Amino acid sequence: MPGQSRLKSLEAQRLILTAESDLNRVQLLRELGRMKEETQALIKPLRTLAGIASTAAKIGLVLSLWRRFRPKDRGNSDHDRSPRPFVTNLFRGMRTGLVLWRALRSPRR
């Protein structure tokens, strides 16, 4: 019967294509696993570098604020300086606190 041999041939082709598809699927999953490992290997040093840069930025901020607001060497000019008004000191302190709070709070993820 010629019709049955044609059906068996189509069935064999279907089985071959199914097997090939399964092999391709397995290879794709392996490649995705390797890509994930390589991506994680690249990200780890970048996170470390970002942490170091963040810490350095915070230290730089604290040092720049310390230089800006440290007590000046008064020497003989102590009586020449008039005290700052309370409101001015209050606003300067609030501004400094806000800058420090923004810089030192932990980043939200």
PDB file of N, CA and C in Angstrom:
ATOM      1  N   MET A   1       0.825  -1.181   0.000  1.00  0.00           N
ATOM      2  CA  MET A   1       0.000   0.000   0.000  1.00  0.00           C
ATOM      3  C   MET A   1       0.872   1.248   0.000  1.00  0.00           C
ATOM      4  N   PRO A   2       0.778   1.997  -1.059  1.00  0.00           N
ATOM      5  CA  PRO A   2       1.615   3.186  -1.155  1.00  0.00           C
ATOM      6  C   PRO A   2       1.201   4.284  -0.171  1.00  0.00           C
ATOM      7  N   GLY A   3      -0.046   4.365   0.197  1.00  0.00           N
ATOM      8  CA  GLY A   3      -0.496   5.409   1.134  1.00  0.00           C
ATOM      9  C   GLY A   3       0.078   5.240   2.523  1.00  0.00           C
ATOM     10  N   GLN A   4       0.210   3.986   2.953  1.00  0.00           N
ATOM     11  CA  GLN A   4       0.739   3.736   4.298  1.00  0.00           C
ATOM     12  C   GLN A   4       2.225   4.081   4.380  1.00  0.00           C
ATOM     13  N   SER A   5       2.988   3.816   3.330  1.00  0.00           N
ATOM     14  CA  SER A   5       4.418   4.141   3.368  1.00  0.00           C
ATOM     15  C   SER A   5       4.622   5.657   3.417  1.00  0.00           C
ATOM     16  N   ARG A   6       3.741   6.362   2.737  1.00  0.00           N
ATOM     17  CA  ARG A   6       3.829   7.839   2.778  1.00  0.00           C
ATOM     18  C   ARG A   6       3.522   8.326   4.188  1.00  0.00           C
ATOM     19  N   LEU A   7       2.519   7.742   4.861  1.00  0.00           N
ATOM     20  CA  LEU A   7       2.199   8.121   6.240  1.00  0.00           C
ATOM     21  C   LEU A   7       3.352   7.796   7.176  1.00  0.00           C
ATOM     22  N   LYS A   8       3.971   6.649   6.998  1.00  0.00           N
ATOM     23  CA  LYS A   8       5.117   6.288   7.845  1.00  0.00           C
ATOM     24  C   LYS A   8       6.284   7.242   7.618  1.00  0.00           C
ATOM     25  N   SER A   9       6.462   7.660   6.367  1.00  0.00           N
ATOM     26  CA  SER A   9       7.526   8.614   6.053  1.00  0.00           C
ATOM     27  C   SER A   9       7.256   9.961   6.732  1.00  0.00           C
ATOM     28  N   LEU A  10       6.013  10.424   6.680  1.00  0.00           N
ATOM     29  CA  LEU A  10       5.650  11.682   7.343  1.00  0.00           C
ATOM     30  C   LEU A  10       5.781  11.566   8.858  1.00  0.00           C
ATOM     31  N   GLU A  11       5.409  10.417   9.385  1.00  0.00           N
ATOM     32  CA  GLU A  11       5.540  10.178  10.827  1.00  0.00           C
ATOM     33  C   GLU A  11       7.007  10.190  11.247  1.00  0.00           C
ATOM     34  N   ALA A  12       7.847   9.605  10.432  1.00  0.00           N
ATOM     35  CA  ALA A  12       9.289   9.597  10.729  1.00  0.00           C
ATOM     36  C   ALA A  12       9.850  11.016  10.686  1.00  0.00           C
ATOM     37  N   GLN A  13       9.449  11.806   9.687  1.00  0.00           N
ATOM     38  CA  GLN A  13       9.893  13.199   9.603  1.00  0.00           C
ATOM     39  C   GLN A  13       9.425  14.000  10.822  1.00  0.00           C
ATOM     40  N   ARG A  14       8.176  13.764  11.243  1.00  0.00           N
ATOM     41  CA  ARG A  14       7.649  14.455  12.416  1.00  0.00           C
ATOM     42  C   ARG A  14       8.465  14.109  13.654  1.00  0.00           C
ATOM     43  N   LEU A  15       8.810  12.851  13.826  1.00  0.00           N
ATOM     44  CA  LEU A  15       9.613  12.423  14.979  1.00  0.00           C
ATOM     45  C   LEU A  15      11.009  13.033  14.941  1.00  0.00           C
ATOM     46  N   ILE A  16      11.587  13.092  13.743  1.00  0.00           N
ATOM     47  CA  ILE A  16      12.918  13.701  13.607  1.00  0.00           C
ATOM     48  C   ILE A  16      12.867  15.188  13.956  1.00  0.00           C
ATOM     49  N   LEU A  17      11.848  15.885  13.441  1.00  0.00           N
ATOM     50  CA  LEU A  17      11.710  17.316  13.735  1.00  0.00           C
ATOM     51  C   LEU A  17      11.457  17.567  15.226  1.00  0.00           C
ATOM     52  N   THR A  18      10.671  16.697  15.841  1.00  0.00           N
ATOM     53  CA  THR A  18      10.408  16.822  17.275  1.00  0.00           C
ATOM     54  C   THR A  18      11.696  16.629  18.081  1.00  0.00           C
ATOM     55  N   ALA A  19      12.482  15.641  17.706  1.00  0.00           N
ATOM     56  CA  ALA A  19      13.757  15.397  18.400  1.00  0.00           C
ATOM     57  C   ALA A  19      14.709  16.576  18.214  1.00  0.00           C
ATOM     58  N   GLU A  20      14.762  17.102  16.989  1.00  0.00           N
ATOM     59  CA  GLU A  20      15.622  18.248  16.728  1.00  0.00           C
ATOM     60  C   GLU A  20      15.170  19.469  17.543  1.00  0.00           C
ATOM     61  N   SER A  21      13.870  19.655  17.636  1.00  0.00           N
ATOM     62  CA  SER A  21      13.331  20.757  18.419  1.00  0.00           C
ATOM     63  C   SER A  21      13.706  20.621  19.894  1.00  0.00           C
ATOM     64  N   ASP A  22      13.624  19.401  20.415  1.00  0.00           N
ATOM     65  CA  ASP A  22      14.009  19.160  21.806  1.00  0.00           C
ATOM     66  C   ASP A  22      15.493  19.457  22.031  1.00  0.00           C
ATOM     67  N   LEU A  23      16.330  19.040  21.077  1.00  0.00           N
ATOM     68  CA  LEU A  23      17.766  19.328  21.188  1.00  0.00           C
ATOM     69  C   LEU A  23      18.038  20.835  21.169  1.00  0.00           C
ATOM     70  N   ASN A  24      17.359  21.544  20.278  1.00  0.00           N
ATOM     71  CA  ASN A  24      17.524  22.997  20.213  1.00  0.00           C
ATOM     72  C   ASN A  24      17.082  23.659  21.509  1.00  0.00           C
ATOM     73  N   ARG A  25      16.009  23.178  22.090  1.00  0.00           N
ATOM     74  CA  ARG A  25      15.509  23.725  23.351  1.00  0.00           C
ATOM     75  C   ARG A  25      16.538  23.529  24.473  1.00  0.00           C
ATOM     76  N   VAL A  26      17.121  22.345  24.538  1.00  0.00           N
ATOM     77  CA  VAL A  26      18.133  22.058  25.562  1.00  0.00           C
ATOM     78  C   VAL A  26      19.366  22.947  25.359  1.00  0.00           C
ATOM     79  N   GLN A  27      19.812  23.107  24.114  1.00  0.00           N
ATOM     80  CA  GLN A  27      20.963  23.969  23.831  1.00  0.00           C
ATOM     81  C   GLN A  27      20.663  25.414  24.207  1.00  0.00           C
ATOM     82  N   LEU A  28      19.471  25.875  23.916  1.00  0.00           N
ATOM     83  CA  LEU A  28      19.084  27.242  24.256  1.00  0.00           C
ATOM     84  C   LEU A  28      19.110  27.452  25.771  1.00  0.00           C
ATOM     85  N   LEU A  29      18.584  26.493  26.524  1.00  0.00           N
ATOM     86  CA  LEU A  29      18.602  26.609  27.980  1.00  0.00           C
ATOM     87  C   LEU A  29      20.025  26.629  28.524  1.00  0.00           C
ATOM     88  N   ARG A  30      20.913  25.820  27.954  1.00  0.00           N
ATOM     89  CA  ARG A  30      22.326  25.837  28.378  1.00  0.00           C
ATOM     90  C   ARG A  30      22.964  27.190  28.100  1.00  0.00           C
ATOM     91  N   GLU A  31      22.721  27.720  26.898  1.00  0.00           N
ATOM     92  CA  GLU A  31      23.289  29.020  26.536  1.00  0.00           C
ATOM     93  C   GLU A  31      22.748  30.132  27.428  1.00  0.00           C
ATOM     94  N   LEU A  32      21.465  30.084  27.742  1.00  0.00           N
ATOM     95  CA  LEU A  32      20.897  31.089  28.642  1.00  0.00           C
ATOM     96  C   LEU A  32      21.517  30.985  30.034  1.00  0.00           C
ATOM     97  N   GLY A  33      21.770  29.765  30.494  1.00  0.00           N
ATOM     98  CA  GLY A  33      22.430  29.575  31.785  1.00  0.00           C
ATOM     99  C   GLY A  33      23.834  30.163  31.785  1.00  0.00           C
ATOM    100  N   ARG A  34      24.579  29.935  30.703  1.00  0.00           N
ATOM    101  CA  ARG A  34      25.929  30.504  30.591  1.00  0.00           C
ATOM    102  C   ARG A  34      25.878  32.028  30.540  1.00  0.00           C
ATOM    103  N   MET A  35      24.917  32.579  29.800  1.00  0.00           N
ATOM    104  CA  MET A  35      24.788  34.038  29.720  1.00  0.00           C
ATOM    105  C   MET A  35      24.468  34.621  31.096  1.00  0.00           C
ATOM    106  N   LYS A  36      23.624  33.943  31.861  1.00  0.00           N
ATOM    107  CA  LYS A  36      23.273  34.411  33.198  1.00  0.00           C
ATOM    108  C   LYS A  36      24.513  34.422  34.092  1.00  0.00           C
ATOM    109  N   GLU A  37      25.318  33.352  34.033  1.00  0.00           N
ATOM    110  CA  GLU A  37      26.536  33.293  34.841  1.00  0.00           C
ATOM    111  C   GLU A  37      27.512  34.396  34.461  1.00  0.00           C
ATOM    112  N   GLU A  38      27.695  34.624  33.160  1.00  0.00           N
ATOM    113  CA  GLU A  38      28.612  35.670  32.709  1.00  0.00           C
ATOM    114  C   GLU A  38      28.117  37.051  33.106  1.00  0.00           C
ATOM    115  N   THR A  39      26.822  37.273  33.012  1.00  0.00           N
ATOM    116  CA  THR A  39      26.253  38.566  33.410  1.00  0.00           C
ATOM    117  C   THR A  39      26.467  38.808  34.901  1.00  0.00           C
ATOM    118  N   GLN A  40      26.238  37.784  35.710  1.00  0.00           N
ATOM    119  CA  GLN A  40      26.453  37.930  37.148  1.00  0.00           C
ATOM    120  C   GLN A  40      27.926  38.168  37.455  1.00  0.00           C
ATOM    121  N   ALA A  41      28.813  37.523  36.713  1.00  0.00           N
ATOM    122  CA  ALA A  41      30.245  37.732  36.915  1.00  0.00           C
ATOM    123  C   ALA A  41      30.646  39.167  36.554  1.00  0.00           C
ATOM    124  N   LEU A  42      29.965  39.776  35.587  1.00  0.00           N
ATOM    125  CA  LEU A  42      30.249  41.164  35.223  1.00  0.00           C
ATOM    126  C   LEU A  42      29.648  42.146  36.217  1.00  0.00           C
ATOM    127  N   ILE A  43      28.478  41.833  36.747  1.00  0.00           N
ATOM    128  CA  ILE A  43      27.770  42.762  37.629  1.00  0.00           C
ATOM    129  C   ILE A  43      28.426  42.850  39.003  1.00  0.00           C
ATOM    130  N   LYS A  44      28.963  41.754  39.510  1.00  0.00           N
ATOM    131  CA  LYS A  44      29.530  41.743  40.860  1.00  0.00           C
ATOM    132  C   LYS A  44      30.628  42.804  41.044  1.00  0.00           C
ATOM    133  N   PRO A  45      31.634  42.887  40.153  1.00  0.00           N
ATOM    134  CA  PRO A  45      32.645  43.934  40.334  1.00  0.00           C
ATOM    135  C   PRO A  45      32.070  45.344  40.182  1.00  0.00           C
ATOM    136  N   LEU A  46      31.063  45.494  39.325  1.00  0.00           N
ATOM    137  CA  LEU A  46      30.460  46.810  39.151  1.00  0.00           C
ATOM    138  C   LEU A  46      29.746  47.263  40.422  1.00  0.00           C
ATOM    139  N   ARG A  47      29.085  46.325  41.109  1.00  0.00           N
ATOM    140  CA  ARG A  47      28.436  46.674  42.369  1.00  0.00           C
ATOM    141  C   ARG A  47      29.463  47.082  43.415  1.00  0.00           C
ATOM    142  N   THR A  48      30.572  46.363  43.451  1.00  0.00           N
ATOM    143  CA  THR A  48      31.635  46.712  44.388  1.00  0.00           C
ATOM    144  C   THR A  48      32.176  48.098  44.072  1.00  0.00           C
ATOM    145  N   LEU A  49      32.405  48.369  42.796  1.00  0.00           N
ATOM    146  CA  LEU A  49      32.904  49.668  42.381  1.00  0.00           C
ATOM    147  C   LEU A  49      31.897  50.772  42.713  1.00  0.00           C
ATOM    148  N   ALA A  50      30.629  50.504  42.514  1.00  0.00           N
ATOM    149  CA  ALA A  50      29.592  51.498  42.834  1.00  0.00           C
ATOM    150  C   ALA A  50      29.558  51.766  44.333  1.00  0.00           C
ATOM    151  N   GLY A  51      29.730  50.739  45.139  1.00  0.00           N
ATOM    152  CA  GLY A  51      29.762  50.926  46.587  1.00  0.00           C
ATOM    153  C   GLY A  51      30.950  51.770  47.015  1.00  0.00           C
ATOM    154  N   ILE A  52      32.098  51.532  46.410  1.00  0.00           N
ATOM    155  CA  ILE A  52      33.293  52.325  46.729  1.00  0.00           C
ATOM    156  C   ILE A  52      33.089  53.771  46.293  1.00  0.00           C
ATOM    157  N   ALA A  53      32.548  53.971  45.102  1.00  0.00           N
ATOM    158  CA  ALA A  53      32.313  55.336  44.606  1.00  0.00           C
ATOM    159  C   ALA A  53      31.308  56.061  45.492  1.00  0.00           C
ATOM    160  N   SER A  54      30.282  55.377  45.942  1.00  0.00           N
ATOM    161  CA  SER A  54      29.288  55.991  46.814  1.00  0.00           C
ATOM    162  C   SER A  54      29.905  56.404  48.141  1.00  0.00           C
ATOM    163  N   THR A  55      30.717  55.529  48.710  1.00  0.00           N
ATOM    164  CA  THR A  55      31.384  55.854  49.972  1.00  0.00           C
ATOM    165  C   THR A  55      32.336  57.036  49.789  1.00  0.00           C
ATOM    166  N   ALA A  56      33.072  57.041  48.696  1.00  0.00           N
ATOM    167  CA  ALA A  56      33.993  58.152  48.429  1.00  0.00           C
ATOM    168  C   ALA A  56      33.227  59.465  48.268  1.00  0.00           C
ATOM    169  N   ALA A  57      32.076  59.419  47.617  1.00  0.00           N
ATOM    170  CA  ALA A  57      31.272  60.633  47.447  1.00  0.00           C
ATOM    171  C   ALA A  57      30.767  61.148  48.797  1.00  0.00           C
ATOM    172  N   LYS A  58      30.355  60.236  49.664  1.00  0.00           N
ATOM    173  CA  LYS A  58      29.885  60.647  50.986  1.00  0.00           C
ATOM    174  C   LYS A  58      31.017  61.251  51.814  1.00  0.00           C
ATOM    175  N   ILE A  59      32.192  60.648  51.748  1.00  0.00           N
ATOM    176  CA  ILE A  59      33.348  61.191  52.474  1.00  0.00           C
ATOM    177  C   ILE A  59      33.703  62.569  51.922  1.00  0.00           C
ATOM    178  N   GLY A  60      33.681  62.703  50.598  1.00  0.00           N
ATOM    179  CA  GLY A  60      33.956  64.008  49.990  1.00  0.00           C
ATOM    180  C   GLY A  60      32.953  65.055  50.411  1.00  0.00           C
ATOM    181  N   LEU A  61      31.698  64.670  50.495  1.00  0.00           N
ATOM    182  CA  LEU A  61      30.666  65.618  50.929  1.00  0.00           C
ATOM    183  C   LEU A  61      30.908  66.067  52.360  1.00  0.00           C
ATOM    184  N   VAL A  62      31.182  65.114  53.240  1.00  0.00           N
ATOM    185  CA  VAL A  62      31.415  65.460  54.643  1.00  0.00           C
ATOM    186  C   VAL A  62      32.635  66.367  54.770  1.00  0.00           C
ATOM    187  N   LEU A  63      33.700  66.044  54.034  1.00  0.00           N
ATOM    188  CA  LEU A  63      34.904  66.884  54.111  1.00  0.00           C
ATOM    189  C   LEU A  63      34.659  68.283  53.565  1.00  0.00           C
ATOM    190  N   SER A  64      33.910  68.382  52.464  1.00  0.00           N
ATOM    191  CA  SER A  64      33.636  69.713  51.914  1.00  0.00           C
ATOM    192  C   SER A  64      32.744  70.520  52.849  1.00  0.00           C
ATOM    193  N   LEU A  65      31.779  69.869  53.489  1.00  0.00           N
ATOM    194  CA  LEU A  65      30.940  70.591  54.453  1.00  0.00           C
ATOM    195  C   LEU A  65      31.745  70.997  55.676  1.00  0.00           C
ATOM    196  N   TRP A  66      32.658  70.125  56.107  1.00  0.00           N
ATOM    197  CA  TRP A  66      33.488  70.470  57.257  1.00  0.00           C
ATOM    198  C   TRP A  66      34.366  71.670  56.932  1.00  0.00           C
ATOM    199  N   ARG A  67      34.947  71.692  55.713  1.00  0.00           N
ATOM    200  CA  ARG A  67      35.779  72.826  55.325  1.00  0.00           C
ATOM    201  C   ARG A  67      34.956  74.105  55.239  1.00  0.00           C
ATOM    202  N   ARG A  68      33.724  73.969  54.802  1.00  0.00           N
ATOM    203  CA  ARG A  68      32.885  75.156  54.618  1.00  0.00           C
ATOM    204  C   ARG A  68      32.420  75.743  55.940  1.00  0.00           C
ATOM    205  N   PHE A  69      32.080  74.878  56.905  1.00  0.00           N
ATOM    206  CA  PHE A  69      31.477  75.364  58.139  1.00  0.00           C
ATOM    207  C   PHE A  69      32.388  75.269  59.355  1.00  0.00           C
ATOM    208  N   ARG A  70      33.645  74.927  59.175  1.00  0.00           N
ATOM    209  CA  ARG A  70      34.535  74.831  60.340  1.00  0.00           C
ATOM    210  C   ARG A  70      34.771  76.217  60.921  1.00  0.00           C
ATOM    211  N   PRO A  71      35.076  76.284  62.211  1.00  0.00           N
ATOM    212  CA  PRO A  71      35.344  77.582  62.824  1.00  0.00           C
ATOM    213  C   PRO A  71      36.592  78.201  62.212  1.00  0.00           C
ATOM    214  N   LYS A  72      36.517  79.455  61.904  1.00  0.00           N
ATOM    215  CA  LYS A  72      37.652  80.169  61.325  1.00  0.00           C
ATOM    216  C   LYS A  72      38.650  80.510  62.436  1.00  0.00           C
ATOM    217  N   ASP A  73      39.894  80.699  62.030  1.00  0.00           N
ATOM    218  CA  ASP A  73      40.909  81.130  62.988  1.00  0.00           C
ATOM    219  C   ASP A  73      40.611  82.581  63.328  1.00  0.00           C
ATOM    220  N   ARG A  74      40.167  82.819  64.535  1.00  0.00           N
ATOM    221  CA  ARG A  74      39.659  84.152  64.891  1.00  0.00           C
ATOM    222  C   ARG A  74      40.780  85.157  65.158  1.00  0.00           C
ATOM    223  N   GLY A  75      41.840  84.743  65.786  1.00  0.00           N
ATOM    224  CA  GLY A  75      42.959  85.653  66.036  1.00  0.00           C
ATOM    225  C   GLY A  75      42.514  86.920  66.742  1.00  0.00           C
ATOM    226  N   ASN A  76      42.900  88.075  66.202  1.00  0.00           N
ATOM    227  CA  ASN A  76      42.559  89.366  66.808  1.00  0.00           C
ATOM    228  C   ASN A  76      41.224  89.900  66.329  1.00  0.00           C
ATOM    229  N   SER A  77      40.641  89.307  65.319  1.00  0.00           N
ATOM    230  CA  SER A  77      39.419  89.862  64.750  1.00  0.00           C
ATOM    231  C   SER A  77      38.172  89.326  65.445  1.00  0.00           C
ATOM    232  N   ASP A  78      38.305  88.750  66.640  1.00  0.00           N
ATOM    233  CA  ASP A  78      37.175  88.167  67.346  1.00  0.00           C
ATOM    234  C   ASP A  78      36.127  89.224  67.679  1.00  0.00           C
ATOM    235  N   HIS A  79      36.551  90.398  68.065  1.00  0.00           N
ATOM    236  CA  HIS A  79      35.580  91.427  68.443  1.00  0.00           C
ATOM    237  C   HIS A  79      34.992  92.141  67.231  1.00  0.00           C
ATOM    238  N   ASP A  80      35.590  91.972  66.037  1.00  0.00           N
ATOM    239  CA  ASP A  80      35.082  92.620  64.826  1.00  0.00           C
ATOM    240  C   ASP A  80      33.860  91.908  64.253  1.00  0.00           C
ATOM    241  N   ARG A  81      33.748  90.625  64.521  1.00  0.00           N
ATOM    242  CA  ARG A  81      32.637  89.861  63.951  1.00  0.00           C
ATOM    243  C   ARG A  81      31.408  89.982  64.833  1.00  0.00           C
ATOM    244  N   SER A  82      30.302  90.340  64.229  1.00  0.00           N
ATOM    245  CA  SER A  82      29.051  90.374  64.985  1.00  0.00           C
ATOM    246  C   SER A  82      28.411  88.994  64.897  1.00  0.00           C
ATOM    247  N   PRO A  83      27.706  88.573  65.915  1.00  0.00           N
ATOM    248  CA  PRO A  83      27.081  87.245  65.863  1.00  0.00           C
ATOM    249  C   PRO A  83      25.983  87.206  64.793  1.00  0.00           C
ATOM    250  N   ARG A  84      25.815  86.042  64.204  1.00  0.00           N
ATOM    251  CA  ARG A  84      24.777  85.887  63.188  1.00  0.00           C
ATOM    252  C   ARG A  84      23.418  85.809  63.872  1.00  0.00           C
ATOM    253  N   PRO A  85      22.403  86.293  63.195  1.00  0.00           N
ATOM    254  CA  PRO A  85      21.059  86.168  63.765  1.00  0.00           C
ATOM    255  C   PRO A  85      20.658  84.694  63.897  1.00  0.00           C
ATOM    256  N   PHE A  86      19.780  84.424  64.834  1.00  0.00           N
ATOM    257  CA  PHE A  86      19.334  83.057  65.111  1.00  0.00           C
ATOM    258  C   PHE A  86      18.703  82.410  63.882  1.00  0.00           C
ATOM    259  N   VAL A  87      17.872  83.158  63.170  1.00  0.00           N
ATOM    260  CA  VAL A  87      17.173  82.608  62.011  1.00  0.00           C
ATOM    261  C   VAL A  87      18.175  82.194  60.922  1.00  0.00           C
ATOM    262  N   THR A  88      19.220  82.981  60.726  1.00  0.00           N
ATOM    263  CA  THR A  88      20.235  82.635  59.728  1.00  0.00           C
ATOM    264  C   THR A  88      20.919  81.325  60.103  1.00  0.00           C
ATOM    265  N   ASN A  89      21.293  81.193  61.368  1.00  0.00           N
ATOM    266  CA  ASN A  89      21.917  79.953  61.827  1.00  0.00           C
ATOM    267  C   ASN A  89      20.961  78.773  61.692  1.00  0.00           C
ATOM    268  N   LEU A  90      19.696  78.998  61.994  1.00  0.00           N
ATOM    269  CA  LEU A  90      18.706  77.937  61.890  1.00  0.00           C
ATOM    270  C   LEU A  90      18.580  77.431  60.455  1.00  0.00           C
ATOM    271  N   PHE A  91      18.467  78.358  59.500  1.00  0.00           N
ATOM    272  CA  PHE A  91      18.327  77.956  58.102  1.00  0.00           C
ATOM    273  C   PHE A  91      19.591  77.296  57.561  1.00  0.00           C
ATOM    274  N   ARG A  92      20.754  77.768  57.971  1.00  0.00           N
ATOM    275  CA  ARG A  92      22.003  77.129  57.536  1.00  0.00           C
ATOM    276  C   ARG A  92      22.087  75.706  58.087  1.00  0.00           C
ATOM    277  N   GLY A  93      21.706  75.527  59.325  1.00  0.00           N
ATOM    278  CA  GLY A  93      21.713  74.194  59.920  1.00  0.00           C
ATOM    279  C   GLY A  93      20.720  73.264  59.242  1.00  0.00           C
ATOM    280  N   MET A  94      19.531  73.783  58.926  1.00  0.00           N
ATOM    281  CA  MET A  94      18.532  72.966  58.237  1.00  0.00           C
ATOM    282  C   MET A  94      19.024  72.561  56.850  1.00  0.00           C
ATOM    283  N   ARG A  95      19.645  73.508  56.146  1.00  0.00           N
ATOM    284  CA  ARG A  95      20.153  73.210  54.809  1.00  0.00           C
ATOM    285  C   ARG A  95      21.261  72.151  54.870  1.00  0.00           C
ATOM    286  N   THR A  96      22.151  72.298  55.830  1.00  0.00           N
ATOM    287  CA  THR A  96      23.226  71.319  55.992  1.00  0.00           C
ATOM    288  C   THR A  96      22.657  69.949  56.344  1.00  0.00           C
ATOM    289  N   GLY A  97      21.697  69.911  57.258  1.00  0.00           N
ATOM    290  CA  GLY A  97      21.080  68.648  57.642  1.00  0.00           C
ATOM    291  C   GLY A  97      20.382  67.984  56.475  1.00  0.00           C
ATOM    292  N   LEU A  98      19.715  68.763  55.652  1.00  0.00           N
ATOM    293  CA  LEU A  98      19.027  68.206  54.486  1.00  0.00           C
ATOM    294  C   LEU A  98      20.021  67.616  53.489  1.00  0.00           C
ATOM    295  N   VAL A  99      21.113  68.318  53.244  1.00  0.00           N
ATOM    296  CA  VAL A  99      22.129  67.810  52.322  1.00  0.00           C
ATOM    297  C   VAL A  99      22.722  66.519  52.864  1.00  0.00           C
ATOM    298  N   LEU A 100      23.041  66.487  54.147  1.00  0.00           N
ATOM    299  CA  LEU A 100      23.599  65.275  54.749  1.00  0.00           C
ATOM    300  C   LEU A 100      22.589  64.123  54.721  1.00  0.00           C
ATOM    301  N   TRP A 101      21.340  64.423  55.033  1.00  0.00           N
ATOM    302  CA  TRP A 101      20.318  63.372  55.046  1.00  0.00           C
ATOM    303  C   TRP A 101      20.164  62.757  53.668  1.00  0.00           C
ATOM    304  N   ARG A 102      20.115  63.584  52.622  1.00  0.00           N
ATOM    305  CA  ARG A 102      19.988  63.062  51.259  1.00  0.00           C
ATOM    306  C   ARG A 102      21.200  62.246  50.857  1.00  0.00           C
ATOM    307  N   ALA A 103      22.377  62.690  51.289  1.00  0.00           N
ATOM    308  CA  ALA A 103      23.608  62.002  50.869  1.00  0.00           C
ATOM    309  C   ALA A 103      23.811  60.682  51.632  1.00  0.00           C
ATOM    310  N   LEU A 104      23.407  60.625  52.872  1.00  0.00           N
ATOM    311  CA  LEU A 104      23.731  59.465  53.695  1.00  0.00           C
ATOM    312  C   LEU A 104      22.621  58.437  53.790  1.00  0.00           C
ATOM    313  N   ARG A 105      21.414  58.763  53.375  1.00  0.00           N
ATOM    314  CA  ARG A 105      20.350  57.772  53.474  1.00  0.00           C
ATOM    315  C   ARG A 105      20.614  56.646  52.486  1.00  0.00           C
ATOM    316  N   SER A 106      20.154  55.469  52.837  1.00  0.00           N
ATOM    317  CA  SER A 106      20.427  54.322  51.973  1.00  0.00           C
ATOM    318  C   SER A 106      19.555  54.405  50.737  1.00  0.00           C
ATOM    319  N   PRO A 107      20.128  54.023  49.565  1.00  0.00           N
ATOM    320  CA  PRO A 107      19.334  54.074  48.330  1.00  0.00           C
ATOM    321  C   PRO A 107      18.234  53.027  48.361  1.00  0.00           C
ATOM    322  N   ARG A 108      17.088  53.397  47.841  1.00  0.00           N
ATOM    323  CA  ARG A 108      15.947  52.470  47.793  1.00  0.00           C
ATOM    324  C   ARG A 108      16.078  51.609  46.556  1.00  0.00           C
ATOM    325  N   ARG A 109      15.820  50.311  46.727  1.00  0.00           N
ATOM    326  CA  ARG A 109      15.940  49.382  45.600  1.00  0.00           C
ATOM    327  C   ARG A 109      14.620  48.744  45.313  1.00  0.00           C
TER     328      ARG A 109
END
